[in-house]
N, C-alpha and C. Protein backbone atom coordinates (compact mmCIF):
# COMPACT_ATOMS: atom_id res chain seq x y z
N MET A 1 0.85 -1.18 0.00
CA MET A 1 0.00 0.00 0.00
C MET A 1 0.89 1.23 0.00
N ILE A 2 0.64 2.12 -0.91
CA ILE A 2 1.40 3.36 -1.00
C ILE A 2 0.58 4.47 -0.33
N VAL A 3 1.20 5.16 0.58
CA VAL A 3 0.53 6.25 1.28
C VAL A 3 0.62 7.50 0.41
N HIS A 4 -0.52 8.16 0.20
CA HIS A 4 -0.51 9.39 -0.58
C HIS A 4 -1.60 10.33 -0.08
N ALA A 5 -1.48 11.57 -0.46
CA ALA A 5 -2.47 12.57 -0.07
C ALA A 5 -3.18 13.06 -1.33
N ARG A 6 -4.50 13.18 -1.23
CA ARG A 6 -5.30 13.72 -2.32
C ARG A 6 -5.83 15.07 -1.88
N LEU A 7 -5.13 16.12 -2.24
CA LEU A 7 -5.55 17.46 -1.82
C LEU A 7 -6.84 17.88 -2.50
N ALA A 8 -7.14 17.31 -3.65
CA ALA A 8 -8.37 17.65 -4.36
C ALA A 8 -9.60 17.21 -3.56
N ALA A 9 -9.44 16.25 -2.66
CA ALA A 9 -10.56 15.77 -1.85
C ALA A 9 -11.07 16.85 -0.89
N ILE A 10 -10.24 17.83 -0.59
CA ILE A 10 -10.65 18.90 0.31
C ILE A 10 -11.83 19.68 -0.26
N LYS A 11 -11.88 19.78 -1.60
CA LYS A 11 -12.99 20.51 -2.24
C LYS A 11 -14.34 19.88 -1.92
N GLY A 12 -14.37 18.56 -1.70
CA GLY A 12 -15.63 17.86 -1.46
C GLY A 12 -16.16 17.99 -0.05
N ILE A 13 -15.43 18.64 0.83
CA ILE A 13 -15.87 18.77 2.22
C ILE A 13 -16.76 20.00 2.34
N ARG A 14 -17.95 19.77 2.87
CA ARG A 14 -18.92 20.87 3.00
C ARG A 14 -18.65 21.69 4.26
N PRO A 15 -19.10 22.95 4.28
CA PRO A 15 -18.86 23.81 5.44
C PRO A 15 -19.36 23.22 6.77
N HIS A 16 -20.51 22.55 6.75
CA HIS A 16 -21.01 21.99 8.02
C HIS A 16 -20.11 20.86 8.52
N GLU A 17 -19.42 20.17 7.60
CA GLU A 17 -18.50 19.12 8.02
C GLU A 17 -17.26 19.73 8.68
N TRP A 18 -16.79 20.87 8.15
CA TRP A 18 -15.68 21.59 8.80
C TRP A 18 -16.12 22.02 10.20
N ALA A 19 -17.33 22.50 10.30
CA ALA A 19 -17.85 22.97 11.60
C ALA A 19 -17.91 21.83 12.61
N ILE A 20 -18.38 20.66 12.17
CA ILE A 20 -18.45 19.49 13.06
C ILE A 20 -17.06 19.16 13.58
N ARG A 21 -16.09 19.12 12.70
CA ARG A 21 -14.72 18.80 13.11
C ARG A 21 -14.16 19.86 14.06
N PHE A 22 -14.43 21.11 13.75
CA PHE A 22 -13.94 22.20 14.60
C PHE A 22 -14.54 22.13 15.99
N VAL A 23 -15.86 21.95 16.07
CA VAL A 23 -16.54 21.89 17.36
C VAL A 23 -16.08 20.67 18.16
N PHE A 24 -15.98 19.52 17.50
CA PHE A 24 -15.56 18.32 18.20
C PHE A 24 -14.13 18.46 18.71
N GLY A 25 -13.24 18.95 17.86
CA GLY A 25 -11.84 19.15 18.28
C GLY A 25 -11.73 20.13 19.42
N GLY A 26 -12.47 21.23 19.34
CA GLY A 26 -12.46 22.23 20.41
C GLY A 26 -13.01 21.66 21.71
N THR A 27 -14.06 20.85 21.62
CA THR A 27 -14.64 20.23 22.81
C THR A 27 -13.65 19.31 23.49
N VAL A 28 -12.93 18.51 22.71
CA VAL A 28 -11.93 17.61 23.27
C VAL A 28 -10.82 18.41 23.95
N CYS A 29 -10.38 19.49 23.32
CA CYS A 29 -9.32 20.32 23.92
C CYS A 29 -9.78 20.98 25.21
N VAL A 30 -11.01 21.47 25.25
CA VAL A 30 -11.55 22.08 26.47
C VAL A 30 -11.66 21.01 27.57
N ALA A 31 -12.15 19.82 27.19
CA ALA A 31 -12.26 18.74 28.18
C ALA A 31 -10.88 18.38 28.73
N ALA A 32 -9.87 18.33 27.88
CA ALA A 32 -8.50 18.03 28.33
C ALA A 32 -8.01 19.12 29.28
N GLY A 33 -8.33 20.37 28.99
CA GLY A 33 -7.95 21.47 29.88
C GLY A 33 -8.62 21.36 31.25
N LEU A 34 -9.90 21.00 31.26
CA LEU A 34 -10.61 20.84 32.53
C LEU A 34 -10.07 19.66 33.33
N ILE A 35 -9.77 18.57 32.63
CA ILE A 35 -9.17 17.40 33.29
C ILE A 35 -7.81 17.77 33.85
N SER A 36 -7.04 18.53 33.08
CA SER A 36 -5.71 18.95 33.51
C SER A 36 -5.80 19.85 34.75
N LYS A 37 -6.78 20.72 34.77
CA LYS A 37 -6.96 21.62 35.91
C LYS A 37 -7.32 20.82 37.17
N ARG A 38 -8.14 19.81 36.99
CA ARG A 38 -8.61 19.00 38.14
C ARG A 38 -7.56 17.98 38.60
N PHE A 39 -6.91 17.27 37.64
CA PHE A 39 -6.03 16.15 37.99
C PHE A 39 -4.55 16.40 37.72
N GLY A 40 -4.22 17.55 37.16
CA GLY A 40 -2.82 17.85 36.90
C GLY A 40 -2.46 17.69 35.42
N PRO A 41 -1.35 18.32 35.01
CA PRO A 41 -0.99 18.33 33.59
C PRO A 41 -0.59 16.96 33.04
N GLU A 42 -0.10 16.06 33.89
CA GLU A 42 0.28 14.74 33.39
C GLU A 42 -0.93 13.98 32.89
N ILE A 43 -2.01 14.01 33.64
CA ILE A 43 -3.24 13.32 33.25
C ILE A 43 -3.92 14.08 32.11
N GLY A 44 -3.99 15.40 32.21
CA GLY A 44 -4.62 16.21 31.16
C GLY A 44 -3.92 16.04 29.83
N GLY A 45 -2.60 15.91 29.85
CA GLY A 45 -1.84 15.72 28.62
C GLY A 45 -2.20 14.44 27.89
N LEU A 46 -2.54 13.40 28.66
CA LEU A 46 -2.98 12.15 28.02
C LEU A 46 -4.24 12.38 27.20
N PHE A 47 -5.13 13.21 27.72
CA PHE A 47 -6.37 13.47 27.00
C PHE A 47 -6.15 14.43 25.82
N LEU A 48 -5.14 15.28 25.91
CA LEU A 48 -4.81 16.13 24.75
C LEU A 48 -4.27 15.28 23.61
N ALA A 49 -3.66 14.15 23.94
CA ALA A 49 -3.12 13.26 22.91
C ALA A 49 -4.23 12.57 22.13
N PHE A 50 -5.45 12.60 22.65
CA PHE A 50 -6.58 12.00 21.94
C PHE A 50 -6.72 12.68 20.58
N PRO A 51 -6.78 11.91 19.52
CA PRO A 51 -6.92 12.55 18.21
C PRO A 51 -8.28 13.26 18.13
N ALA A 52 -8.25 14.53 18.38
CA ALA A 52 -9.46 15.31 18.62
C ALA A 52 -10.50 15.23 17.51
N ILE A 53 -10.09 15.24 16.28
CA ILE A 53 -11.10 15.24 15.22
C ILE A 53 -11.31 13.87 14.60
N PHE A 54 -10.61 12.85 15.09
CA PHE A 54 -10.75 11.53 14.47
C PHE A 54 -12.17 10.99 14.48
N PRO A 55 -12.86 10.95 15.63
CA PRO A 55 -14.22 10.37 15.59
C PRO A 55 -15.14 11.09 14.60
N ALA A 56 -15.07 12.40 14.57
CA ALA A 56 -15.91 13.14 13.62
C ALA A 56 -15.47 12.83 12.20
N GLY A 57 -14.16 12.79 11.97
CA GLY A 57 -13.64 12.51 10.64
C GLY A 57 -14.01 11.12 10.16
N ALA A 58 -13.93 10.12 11.06
CA ALA A 58 -14.25 8.74 10.67
C ALA A 58 -15.71 8.62 10.26
N SER A 59 -16.60 9.25 11.00
CA SER A 59 -18.01 9.17 10.64
C SER A 59 -18.28 9.88 9.32
N LEU A 60 -17.57 10.99 9.07
CA LEU A 60 -17.76 11.71 7.81
C LEU A 60 -17.19 10.91 6.64
N VAL A 61 -16.06 10.23 6.84
CA VAL A 61 -15.48 9.40 5.78
C VAL A 61 -16.45 8.29 5.42
N GLU A 62 -17.03 7.66 6.45
CA GLU A 62 -17.97 6.57 6.22
C GLU A 62 -19.19 7.08 5.44
N ALA A 63 -19.70 8.23 5.81
CA ALA A 63 -20.87 8.80 5.12
C ALA A 63 -20.54 9.14 3.67
N HIS A 64 -19.34 9.69 3.42
CA HIS A 64 -18.94 10.02 2.05
C HIS A 64 -18.87 8.77 1.18
N GLU A 65 -18.33 7.70 1.72
CA GLU A 65 -18.21 6.45 0.95
C GLU A 65 -19.59 5.88 0.63
N ARG A 66 -20.50 5.92 1.61
CA ARG A 66 -21.86 5.42 1.35
C ARG A 66 -22.53 6.23 0.25
N LYS A 67 -22.40 7.56 0.30
CA LYS A 67 -23.01 8.42 -0.73
C LYS A 67 -22.39 8.15 -2.10
N HIS A 68 -21.07 7.96 -2.12
CA HIS A 68 -20.38 7.70 -3.37
C HIS A 68 -20.90 6.40 -4.02
N LYS A 69 -21.08 5.36 -3.22
CA LYS A 69 -21.60 4.09 -3.74
C LYS A 69 -23.07 4.22 -4.12
N ALA A 70 -23.82 5.03 -3.37
CA ALA A 70 -25.24 5.19 -3.67
C ALA A 70 -25.44 5.83 -5.04
N ARG A 71 -24.51 6.72 -5.45
CA ARG A 71 -24.61 7.31 -6.78
C ARG A 71 -24.50 6.26 -7.89
N ALA A 72 -23.81 5.17 -7.58
CA ALA A 72 -23.68 4.07 -8.54
C ALA A 72 -24.75 3.01 -8.30
N ALA A 73 -25.78 3.33 -7.54
CA ALA A 73 -26.89 2.44 -7.21
C ALA A 73 -26.42 1.20 -6.47
N LEU A 74 -25.44 1.36 -5.59
CA LEU A 74 -24.93 0.26 -4.78
C LEU A 74 -25.07 0.60 -3.31
N ASP A 75 -25.11 -0.44 -2.47
CA ASP A 75 -25.14 -0.22 -1.03
C ASP A 75 -23.71 -0.06 -0.57
N GLY A 76 -23.37 1.10 -0.06
CA GLY A 76 -22.00 1.39 0.33
C GLY A 76 -21.72 1.25 1.80
N THR A 77 -22.60 0.57 2.54
CA THR A 77 -22.42 0.45 3.98
C THR A 77 -21.12 -0.26 4.32
N MET A 78 -20.89 -1.41 3.71
CA MET A 78 -19.66 -2.16 4.02
C MET A 78 -18.42 -1.40 3.58
N ARG A 79 -18.49 -0.77 2.41
CA ARG A 79 -17.34 0.00 1.93
C ARG A 79 -17.05 1.17 2.87
N GLY A 80 -18.08 1.85 3.33
CA GLY A 80 -17.90 2.96 4.25
C GLY A 80 -17.27 2.51 5.56
N ARG A 81 -17.74 1.39 6.07
CA ARG A 81 -17.16 0.86 7.32
C ARG A 81 -15.71 0.44 7.12
N THR A 82 -15.42 -0.15 5.98
CA THR A 82 -14.05 -0.59 5.69
C THR A 82 -13.11 0.60 5.62
N VAL A 83 -13.51 1.64 4.91
CA VAL A 83 -12.67 2.83 4.78
C VAL A 83 -12.48 3.50 6.14
N ALA A 84 -13.55 3.59 6.93
CA ALA A 84 -13.43 4.17 8.27
C ALA A 84 -12.51 3.31 9.15
N GLY A 85 -12.57 1.99 8.96
CA GLY A 85 -11.70 1.08 9.71
C GLY A 85 -10.23 1.27 9.35
N VAL A 86 -9.97 1.45 8.06
CA VAL A 86 -8.59 1.69 7.62
C VAL A 86 -8.10 3.03 8.18
N ASP A 87 -8.96 4.01 8.20
CA ASP A 87 -8.63 5.31 8.78
C ASP A 87 -8.32 5.16 10.27
N ALA A 88 -9.11 4.35 10.96
CA ALA A 88 -8.89 4.12 12.39
C ALA A 88 -7.57 3.40 12.64
N ALA A 89 -7.24 2.43 11.79
CA ALA A 89 -5.96 1.72 11.94
C ALA A 89 -4.79 2.69 11.78
N GLY A 90 -4.89 3.59 10.82
CA GLY A 90 -3.84 4.58 10.63
C GLY A 90 -3.72 5.52 11.81
N ALA A 91 -4.86 5.91 12.38
CA ALA A 91 -4.85 6.78 13.56
C ALA A 91 -4.22 6.06 14.75
N ALA A 92 -4.51 4.77 14.89
CA ALA A 92 -3.92 4.00 15.99
C ALA A 92 -2.41 3.91 15.85
N MET A 93 -1.95 3.72 14.63
CA MET A 93 -0.50 3.66 14.40
C MET A 93 0.16 5.01 14.71
N GLY A 94 -0.50 6.08 14.34
CA GLY A 94 0.00 7.40 14.67
C GLY A 94 0.03 7.63 16.17
N CYS A 95 -0.97 7.10 16.90
CA CYS A 95 -1.01 7.23 18.36
C CYS A 95 0.12 6.45 19.02
N ILE A 96 0.49 5.32 18.44
CA ILE A 96 1.63 4.57 18.96
C ILE A 96 2.88 5.44 18.85
N GLY A 97 3.03 6.08 17.69
CA GLY A 97 4.15 7.00 17.51
C GLY A 97 4.08 8.16 18.49
N LEU A 98 2.88 8.67 18.73
CA LEU A 98 2.70 9.78 19.66
C LEU A 98 3.10 9.39 21.08
N ALA A 99 2.81 8.15 21.45
CA ALA A 99 3.22 7.67 22.78
C ALA A 99 4.74 7.68 22.89
N GLY A 100 5.43 7.24 21.83
CA GLY A 100 6.89 7.29 21.83
C GLY A 100 7.40 8.71 21.95
N PHE A 101 6.77 9.63 21.24
CA PHE A 101 7.12 11.05 21.31
C PHE A 101 7.00 11.55 22.75
N ALA A 102 5.88 11.22 23.38
CA ALA A 102 5.64 11.68 24.75
C ALA A 102 6.67 11.12 25.73
N VAL A 103 7.01 9.85 25.58
CA VAL A 103 7.98 9.23 26.49
C VAL A 103 9.35 9.90 26.34
N VAL A 104 9.77 10.14 25.10
CA VAL A 104 11.07 10.79 24.87
C VAL A 104 11.07 12.19 25.49
N CYS A 105 9.99 12.95 25.29
CA CYS A 105 9.91 14.30 25.89
C CYS A 105 9.95 14.23 27.41
N TRP A 106 9.19 13.32 27.97
CA TRP A 106 9.11 13.18 29.42
C TRP A 106 10.47 12.83 30.03
N LEU A 107 11.18 11.91 29.37
CA LEU A 107 12.46 11.47 29.91
C LEU A 107 13.61 12.45 29.63
N CYS A 108 13.58 13.10 28.47
CA CYS A 108 14.75 13.88 28.03
C CYS A 108 14.66 15.38 28.27
N LEU A 109 13.48 15.95 28.36
CA LEU A 109 13.38 17.41 28.50
C LEU A 109 14.12 17.97 29.73
N PRO A 110 14.12 17.27 30.86
CA PRO A 110 14.87 17.83 31.99
C PRO A 110 16.39 17.81 31.80
N HIS A 111 16.88 17.04 30.83
CA HIS A 111 18.33 16.84 30.71
C HIS A 111 18.96 17.41 29.45
N LEU A 112 18.19 17.61 28.39
CA LEU A 112 18.74 18.03 27.10
C LEU A 112 18.10 19.33 26.64
N ALA A 113 18.72 19.92 25.62
CA ALA A 113 18.16 21.14 25.01
C ALA A 113 16.81 20.82 24.36
N THR A 114 15.90 21.76 24.44
CA THR A 114 14.54 21.55 23.94
C THR A 114 14.53 21.15 22.48
N ILE A 115 15.28 21.85 21.64
CA ILE A 115 15.27 21.54 20.20
C ILE A 115 15.78 20.12 19.94
N ALA A 116 16.80 19.69 20.68
CA ALA A 116 17.34 18.34 20.51
C ALA A 116 16.31 17.30 20.92
N VAL A 117 15.59 17.58 22.00
CA VAL A 117 14.57 16.64 22.47
C VAL A 117 13.45 16.53 21.44
N PHE A 118 13.00 17.66 20.89
CA PHE A 118 11.92 17.60 19.92
C PHE A 118 12.35 16.91 18.63
N LEU A 119 13.57 17.10 18.21
CA LEU A 119 14.06 16.39 17.04
C LEU A 119 14.12 14.88 17.30
N LEU A 120 14.67 14.50 18.45
CA LEU A 120 14.74 13.08 18.81
C LEU A 120 13.34 12.49 18.95
N ALA A 121 12.45 13.20 19.62
CA ALA A 121 11.08 12.72 19.82
C ALA A 121 10.36 12.56 18.49
N THR A 122 10.59 13.48 17.56
CA THR A 122 9.97 13.37 16.24
C THR A 122 10.48 12.15 15.49
N LEU A 123 11.76 11.89 15.59
CA LEU A 123 12.32 10.68 14.96
C LEU A 123 11.73 9.42 15.58
N VAL A 124 11.59 9.41 16.90
CA VAL A 124 10.99 8.25 17.57
C VAL A 124 9.54 8.09 17.15
N TRP A 125 8.81 9.19 17.04
CA TRP A 125 7.41 9.14 16.61
C TRP A 125 7.33 8.51 15.21
N PHE A 126 8.14 9.00 14.31
CA PHE A 126 8.15 8.49 12.94
C PHE A 126 8.51 7.00 12.92
N ALA A 127 9.57 6.64 13.63
CA ALA A 127 10.03 5.25 13.64
C ALA A 127 8.98 4.32 14.25
N ALA A 128 8.35 4.74 15.34
CA ALA A 128 7.34 3.90 15.99
C ALA A 128 6.11 3.73 15.10
N ALA A 129 5.68 4.79 14.45
CA ALA A 129 4.52 4.68 13.56
C ALA A 129 4.83 3.79 12.36
N ILE A 130 6.01 3.94 11.78
CA ILE A 130 6.40 3.09 10.65
C ILE A 130 6.51 1.63 11.10
N LEU A 131 7.09 1.39 12.27
CA LEU A 131 7.21 0.03 12.79
C LEU A 131 5.83 -0.58 13.01
N ALA A 132 4.90 0.19 13.57
CA ALA A 132 3.54 -0.30 13.77
C ALA A 132 2.89 -0.64 12.43
N TRP A 133 3.08 0.21 11.43
CA TRP A 133 2.53 -0.05 10.09
C TRP A 133 3.13 -1.32 9.51
N TRP A 134 4.44 -1.47 9.63
CA TRP A 134 5.13 -2.63 9.08
C TRP A 134 4.65 -3.91 9.76
N MET A 135 4.51 -3.87 11.10
CA MET A 135 4.05 -5.06 11.82
C MET A 135 2.63 -5.43 11.43
N ARG A 136 1.77 -4.44 11.24
CA ARG A 136 0.39 -4.72 10.82
C ARG A 136 0.36 -5.31 9.41
N LYS A 137 1.18 -4.75 8.55
CA LYS A 137 1.25 -5.25 7.18
C LYS A 137 1.75 -6.70 7.17
N ARG A 138 2.77 -6.97 7.97
CA ARG A 138 3.32 -8.32 8.03
C ARG A 138 2.30 -9.30 8.57
N ARG A 139 1.57 -8.90 9.62
CA ARG A 139 0.53 -9.76 10.20
C ARG A 139 -0.57 -10.03 9.19
N THR A 140 -0.97 -8.99 8.46
CA THR A 140 -2.01 -9.14 7.44
C THR A 140 -1.54 -10.11 6.36
N PHE A 141 -0.29 -10.00 5.94
CA PHE A 141 0.26 -10.88 4.92
C PHE A 141 0.25 -12.32 5.41
N ARG A 142 0.66 -12.55 6.66
CA ARG A 142 0.66 -13.91 7.21
C ARG A 142 -0.75 -14.47 7.30
N THR A 143 -1.70 -13.65 7.71
CA THR A 143 -3.09 -14.11 7.82
C THR A 143 -3.62 -14.51 6.46
N ARG A 144 -3.37 -13.70 5.44
CA ARG A 144 -3.83 -14.05 4.09
C ARG A 144 -3.20 -15.34 3.60
N ARG A 145 -1.89 -15.50 3.86
CA ARG A 145 -1.19 -16.70 3.42
C ARG A 145 -1.75 -17.93 4.13
N ALA A 146 -2.05 -17.80 5.43
CA ALA A 146 -2.62 -18.92 6.18
C ALA A 146 -4.01 -19.28 5.65
N ARG A 147 -4.80 -18.27 5.29
CA ARG A 147 -6.14 -18.53 4.72
C ARG A 147 -6.02 -19.28 3.40
N ARG A 148 -5.06 -18.86 2.57
CA ARG A 148 -4.87 -19.54 1.29
C ARG A 148 -4.47 -21.00 1.50
N ARG A 149 -3.59 -21.25 2.47
CA ARG A 149 -3.16 -22.61 2.77
C ARG A 149 -4.35 -23.44 3.24
N THR A 150 -5.17 -22.87 4.10
CA THR A 150 -6.34 -23.58 4.61
C THR A 150 -7.29 -23.91 3.47
N LEU A 151 -7.54 -22.95 2.59
CA LEU A 151 -8.43 -23.20 1.45
C LEU A 151 -7.84 -24.26 0.54
N HIS A 152 -6.54 -24.23 0.35
CA HIS A 152 -5.87 -25.19 -0.52
C HIS A 152 -6.02 -26.60 0.06
N VAL A 153 -5.83 -26.76 1.36
CA VAL A 153 -5.98 -28.07 2.01
C VAL A 153 -7.42 -28.52 1.96
N PHE A 154 -8.34 -27.58 2.15
CA PHE A 154 -9.76 -27.89 2.08
C PHE A 154 -10.15 -28.41 0.70
N ARG A 155 -9.68 -27.76 -0.33
CA ARG A 155 -10.02 -28.17 -1.70
C ARG A 155 -9.37 -29.49 -2.08
N ALA A 156 -8.20 -29.78 -1.54
CA ALA A 156 -7.48 -30.99 -1.91
C ALA A 156 -8.16 -32.23 -1.32
N SER A 157 -8.87 -32.07 -0.20
CA SER A 157 -9.47 -33.26 0.43
C SER A 157 -10.85 -33.55 -0.06
């Protein structure tokens, strides 16, 4: 799978969808601030790491896919769920990288220059996200190969 960005897709987003994302993201940030005020910045920071617009974005992606399939007179429910699931998997991999970023900052900021820590943390974030992607891809490949073997044995008997 090749990762790419389609900037032309931004044209298809309606103003109310931008508003939903903005309100949801702002709500998550305010909630993180309130949690931080009540329980301290360490706990509040965990909630700031929540991908603020992901839930709104995932539901909008699913709705777009259903509408796209409906134009072709097809039921796009499964396709919408699949695309939203792939989006969720990517967000989870990014969160794994974000956890690595946070750990590096937490451990190194008291001892190293800020710019050095952020550069190191960014490299760790990138490496952790890529490693998570690679492990998922490898697991998916093994699962497919095992299914093929099972089908092959089934057909042979």
